[in-house]
Amino acid sequence: MSLDRFGENVRRERKNQGYSQADLAEKVDISRTYLSQIEQGRAQNLSLRLAQRLSTVLGIKSPYQEGDEDEEKDEEDIPQSLREFAEEDGLPPEDVRMLAGIEYRGERPQDPQQWRILYNVIKTASESSNTS
């Protein structure tokens, strides 16, 4: 993904989630001016770490992440409660997308704590199967 497209996605999701530039910049520990440059595709040397922080907070794909462009449609389907959990716990974007695709009896968790429980169960089960 190009940095221009990433910047457009950052701006769109920031607005969709009701963040001002100042609010989002503070959340990811950068200046509002630098965030503006990112949104305009003019940021110089956008670090992998910052791109991942923005991706996690907003629930969008990082420009440094490999994958299908079709995944962007899936990112629009990430519930706000999952985004909050991902931000609080610093989940990698690929884990957020994995969780977004999970339903139990046609329903998803409704709050960040329910997402946290689900994530920890999956993580524990995965770690157990890797040690066997």
C-alpha atoms as a PDB file:
ATOM      1  CA  MET A   1       0.000   0.000   0.000  1.00  0.00           C
ATOM      2  CA  SER A   2       1.304   3.466  -0.803  1.00  0.00           C
ATOM      3  CA  LEU A   3       1.860   6.089   1.876  1.00  0.00           C
ATOM      4  CA  ASP A   4      -0.692   8.287   0.070  1.00  0.00           C
ATOM      5  CA  ARG A   5      -3.348   5.617   0.422  1.00  0.00           C
ATOM      6  CA  PHE A   6      -2.354   4.927   4.028  1.00  0.00           C
ATOM      7  CA  GLY A   7      -2.688   8.642   4.769  1.00  0.00           C
ATOM      8  CA  GLU A   8      -6.156   8.697   3.203  1.00  0.00           C
ATOM      9  CA  ASN A   9      -7.147   5.690   5.328  1.00  0.00           C
ATOM     10  CA  VAL A  10      -5.803   7.359   8.478  1.00  0.00           C
ATOM     11  CA  ARG A  11      -7.806  10.526   7.773  1.00  0.00           C
ATOM     12  CA  ARG A  12     -10.999   8.614   6.928  1.00  0.00           C
ATOM     13  CA  GLU A  13     -10.849   6.393  10.016  1.00  0.00           C
ATOM     14  CA  ARG A  14      -9.837   9.266  12.307  1.00  0.00           C
ATOM     15  CA  LYS A  15     -12.922  11.179  11.212  1.00  0.00           C
ATOM     16  CA  ASN A  16     -15.169   8.084  11.332  1.00  0.00           C
ATOM     17  CA  GLN A  17     -14.109   7.447  14.911  1.00  0.00           C
ATOM     18  CA  GLY A  18     -14.527  11.077  15.955  1.00  0.00           C
ATOM     19  CA  TYR A  19     -10.895  11.889  16.698  1.00  0.00           C
ATOM     20  CA  SER A  20      -9.522  15.361  16.035  1.00  0.00           C
ATOM     21  CA  GLN A  21      -6.013  15.477  14.592  1.00  0.00           C
ATOM     22  CA  ALA A  22      -4.766  16.668  17.977  1.00  0.00           C
ATOM     23  CA  ASP A  23      -6.512  13.775  19.803  1.00  0.00           C
ATOM     24  CA  LEU A  24      -5.108  11.099  17.508  1.00  0.00           C
ATOM     25  CA  ALA A  25      -1.645  12.656  17.451  1.00  0.00           C
ATOM     26  CA  GLU A  26      -1.581  12.598  21.246  1.00  0.00           C
ATOM     27  CA  LYS A  27      -2.711   8.945  21.319  1.00  0.00           C
ATOM     28  CA  VAL A  28       0.181   7.848  19.083  1.00  0.00           C
ATOM     29  CA  ASP A  29       2.674  10.334  20.572  1.00  0.00           C
ATOM     30  CA  ILE A  30       3.392  12.533  17.543  1.00  0.00           C
ATOM     31  CA  SER A  31       2.714  16.172  16.691  1.00  0.00           C
ATOM     32  CA  ARG A  32      -0.533  17.244  15.046  1.00  0.00           C
ATOM     33  CA  THR A  33       1.567  18.702  12.203  1.00  0.00           C
ATOM     34  CA  TYR A  34       3.243  15.354  11.535  1.00  0.00           C
ATOM     35  CA  LEU A  35      -0.138  13.590  11.586  1.00  0.00           C
ATOM     36  CA  SER A  36      -1.380  16.114   9.022  1.00  0.00           C
ATOM     37  CA  GLN A  37       1.614  15.292   6.823  1.00  0.00           C
ATOM     38  CA  ILE A  38       0.876  11.566   7.137  1.00  0.00           C
ATOM     39  CA  GLU A  39      -2.765  12.118   6.167  1.00  0.00           C
ATOM     40  CA  GLN A  40      -1.665  14.118   3.121  1.00  0.00           C
ATOM     41  CA  GLY A  41       0.868  11.459   2.081  1.00  0.00           C
ATOM     42  CA  ARG A  42       3.747  13.901   2.600  1.00  0.00           C
ATOM     43  CA  ALA A  43       5.362  12.333   5.678  1.00  0.00           C
ATOM     44  CA  GLN A  44       9.065  11.686   5.298  1.00  0.00           C
ATOM     45  CA  ASN A  45      10.386   8.330   6.532  1.00  0.00           C
ATOM     46  CA  LEU A  46       7.244   7.032   8.228  1.00  0.00           C
ATOM     47  CA  SER A  47       8.581   4.430  10.658  1.00  0.00           C
ATOM     48  CA  LEU A  48       7.235   0.907  10.828  1.00  0.00           C
ATOM     49  CA  ARG A  49       6.573   1.395  14.550  1.00  0.00           C
ATOM     50  CA  LEU A  50       4.483   4.548  14.042  1.00  0.00           C
ATOM     51  CA  ALA A  51       2.581   2.992  11.142  1.00  0.00           C
ATOM     52  CA  GLN A  52       1.755   0.034  13.381  1.00  0.00           C
ATOM     53  CA  ARG A  53       0.600   2.304  16.230  1.00  0.00           C
ATOM     54  CA  LEU A  54      -1.695   4.217  13.866  1.00  0.00           C
ATOM     55  CA  SER A  55      -2.931   0.958  12.344  1.00  0.00           C
ATOM     56  CA  THR A  56      -3.715  -0.524  15.745  1.00  0.00           C
ATOM     57  CA  VAL A  57      -5.453   2.561  17.113  1.00  0.00           C
ATOM     58  CA  LEU A  58      -7.569   3.004  13.984  1.00  0.00           C
ATOM     59  CA  GLY A  59      -7.945  -0.651  13.009  1.00  0.00           C
ATOM     60  CA  ILE A  60      -6.533  -0.172   9.520  1.00  0.00           C
ATOM     61  CA  LYS A  61      -3.887  -1.905   7.438  1.00  0.00           C
ATOM     62  CA  SER A  62      -0.285  -0.755   7.781  1.00  0.00           C
ATOM     63  CA  PRO A  63       1.454   0.421   4.593  1.00  0.00           C
ATOM     64  CA  TYR A  64       4.271  -2.020   5.411  1.00  0.00           C
ATOM     65  CA  GLN A  65       1.998  -5.024   5.689  1.00  0.00           C
ATOM     66  CA  GLU A  66       1.797  -7.526   2.866  1.00  0.00           C
ATOM     67  CA  GLY A  67      -1.593  -8.748   1.746  1.00  0.00           C
ATOM     68  CA  ASP A  68      -4.585  -8.408  -0.508  1.00  0.00           C
ATOM     69  CA  GLU A  69      -6.163  -5.065  -1.227  1.00  0.00           C
ATOM     70  CA  ASP A  70      -9.458  -6.866  -0.636  1.00  0.00           C
ATOM     71  CA  GLU A  71      -8.603  -6.914   3.071  1.00  0.00           C
ATOM     72  CA  GLU A  72      -9.443  -3.197   3.248  1.00  0.00           C
ATOM     73  CA  LYS A  73     -13.117  -4.047   2.894  1.00  0.00           C
ATOM     74  CA  ASP A  74     -12.771  -6.355   5.913  1.00  0.00           C
ATOM     75  CA  GLU A  75     -11.184  -3.570   7.975  1.00  0.00           C
ATOM     76  CA  GLU A  76     -14.404  -1.582   7.735  1.00  0.00           C
ATOM     77  CA  ASP A  77     -16.072  -4.479   9.567  1.00  0.00           C
ATOM     78  CA  ILE A  78     -14.031  -4.096  12.771  1.00  0.00           C
ATOM     79  CA  PRO A  79     -16.388  -3.276  15.664  1.00  0.00           C
ATOM     80  CA  GLN A  80     -15.569  -0.257  17.825  1.00  0.00           C
ATOM     81  CA  SER A  81     -15.374  -2.443  20.953  1.00  0.00           C
ATOM     82  CA  LEU A  82     -12.686  -4.558  19.244  1.00  0.00           C
ATOM     83  CA  ARG A  83     -10.803  -1.424  18.194  1.00  0.00           C
ATOM     84  CA  GLU A  84     -10.847  -0.237  21.822  1.00  0.00           C
ATOM     85  CA  PHE A  85      -9.534  -3.576  23.091  1.00  0.00           C
ATOM     86  CA  ALA A  86      -6.827  -3.638  20.396  1.00  0.00           C
ATOM     87  CA  GLU A  87      -5.708  -0.139  21.345  1.00  0.00           C
ATOM     88  CA  GLU A  88      -5.695  -0.840  25.085  1.00  0.00           C
ATOM     89  CA  ASP A  89      -3.699  -4.060  24.730  1.00  0.00           C
ATOM     90  CA  GLY A  90      -1.551  -3.109  21.718  1.00  0.00           C
ATOM     91  CA  LEU A  91      -2.709  -5.980  19.507  1.00  0.00           C
ATOM     92  CA  PRO A  92      -1.021  -6.465  16.151  1.00  0.00           C
ATOM     93  CA  PRO A  93      -3.293  -5.557  13.218  1.00  0.00           C
ATOM     94  CA  GLU A  94      -3.318  -9.150  11.944  1.00  0.00           C
ATOM     95  CA  ASP A  95      -4.709 -10.333  15.296  1.00  0.00           C
ATOM     96  CA  VAL A  96      -7.385  -7.628  15.163  1.00  0.00           C
ATOM     97  CA  ARG A  97      -8.466  -8.775  11.689  1.00  0.00           C
ATOM     98  CA  MET A  98      -8.511 -12.402  12.865  1.00  0.00           C
ATOM     99  CA  LEU A  99     -10.748 -11.516  15.814  1.00  0.00           C
ATOM    100  CA  ALA A 100     -13.037  -9.409  13.618  1.00  0.00           C
ATOM    101  CA  GLY A 101     -13.901 -12.525  11.631  1.00  0.00           C
ATOM    102  CA  ILE A 102     -15.052 -14.526  14.656  1.00  0.00           C
ATOM    103  CA  GLU A 103     -18.685 -14.992  15.573  1.00  0.00           C
ATOM    104  CA  TYR A 104     -20.276 -17.445  18.000  1.00  0.00           C
ATOM    105  CA  ARG A 105     -23.829 -18.395  17.141  1.00  0.00           C
ATOM    106  CA  GLY A 106     -24.014 -15.410  14.826  1.00  0.00           C
ATOM    107  CA  GLU A 107     -22.851 -12.886  17.419  1.00  0.00           C
ATOM    108  CA  ARG A 108     -19.653 -11.091  18.308  1.00  0.00           C
ATOM    109  CA  PRO A 109     -18.411  -9.896  21.693  1.00  0.00           C
ATOM    110  CA  GLN A 110     -20.015  -6.582  22.638  1.00  0.00           C
ATOM    111  CA  ASP A 111     -17.365  -4.890  24.777  1.00  0.00           C
ATOM    112  CA  PRO A 112     -13.555  -4.743  25.053  1.00  0.00           C
ATOM    113  CA  GLN A 113     -13.480  -7.146  28.027  1.00  0.00           C
ATOM    114  CA  GLN A 114     -15.334  -9.835  26.078  1.00  0.00           C
ATOM    115  CA  TRP A 115     -12.835  -9.417  23.203  1.00  0.00           C
ATOM    116  CA  ARG A 116      -9.972  -9.701  25.726  1.00  0.00           C
ATOM    117  CA  ILE A 117     -11.356 -12.989  27.094  1.00  0.00           C
ATOM    118  CA  LEU A 118     -11.803 -14.425  23.599  1.00  0.00           C
ATOM    119  CA  TYR A 119      -8.309 -13.333  22.560  1.00  0.00           C
ATOM    120  CA  ASN A 120      -6.709 -14.832  25.667  1.00  0.00           C
ATOM    121  CA  VAL A 121      -8.512 -18.159  25.149  1.00  0.00           C
ATOM    122  CA  ILE A 122      -7.310 -18.330  21.529  1.00  0.00           C
ATOM    123  CA  LYS A 123      -3.788 -17.290  22.516  1.00  0.00           C
ATOM    124  CA  THR A 124      -3.622 -19.888  25.312  1.00  0.00           C
ATOM    125  CA  ALA A 125      -4.968 -22.650  23.058  1.00  0.00           C
ATOM    126  CA  SER A 126      -2.485 -21.724  20.342  1.00  0.00           C
ATOM    127  CA  GLU A 127       0.449 -21.695  22.776  1.00  0.00           C
ATOM    128  CA  SER A 128      -0.655 -25.064  24.212  1.00  0.00           C
ATOM    129  CA  SER A 129      -0.806 -26.679  20.769  1.00  0.00           C
ATOM    130  CA  ASN A 130       2.628 -25.281  19.871  1.00  0.00           C
ATOM    131  CA  THR A 131       4.245 -26.848  22.938  1.00  0.00           C
ATOM    132  CA  SER A 132       2.740 -30.307  22.359  1.00  0.00           C
END
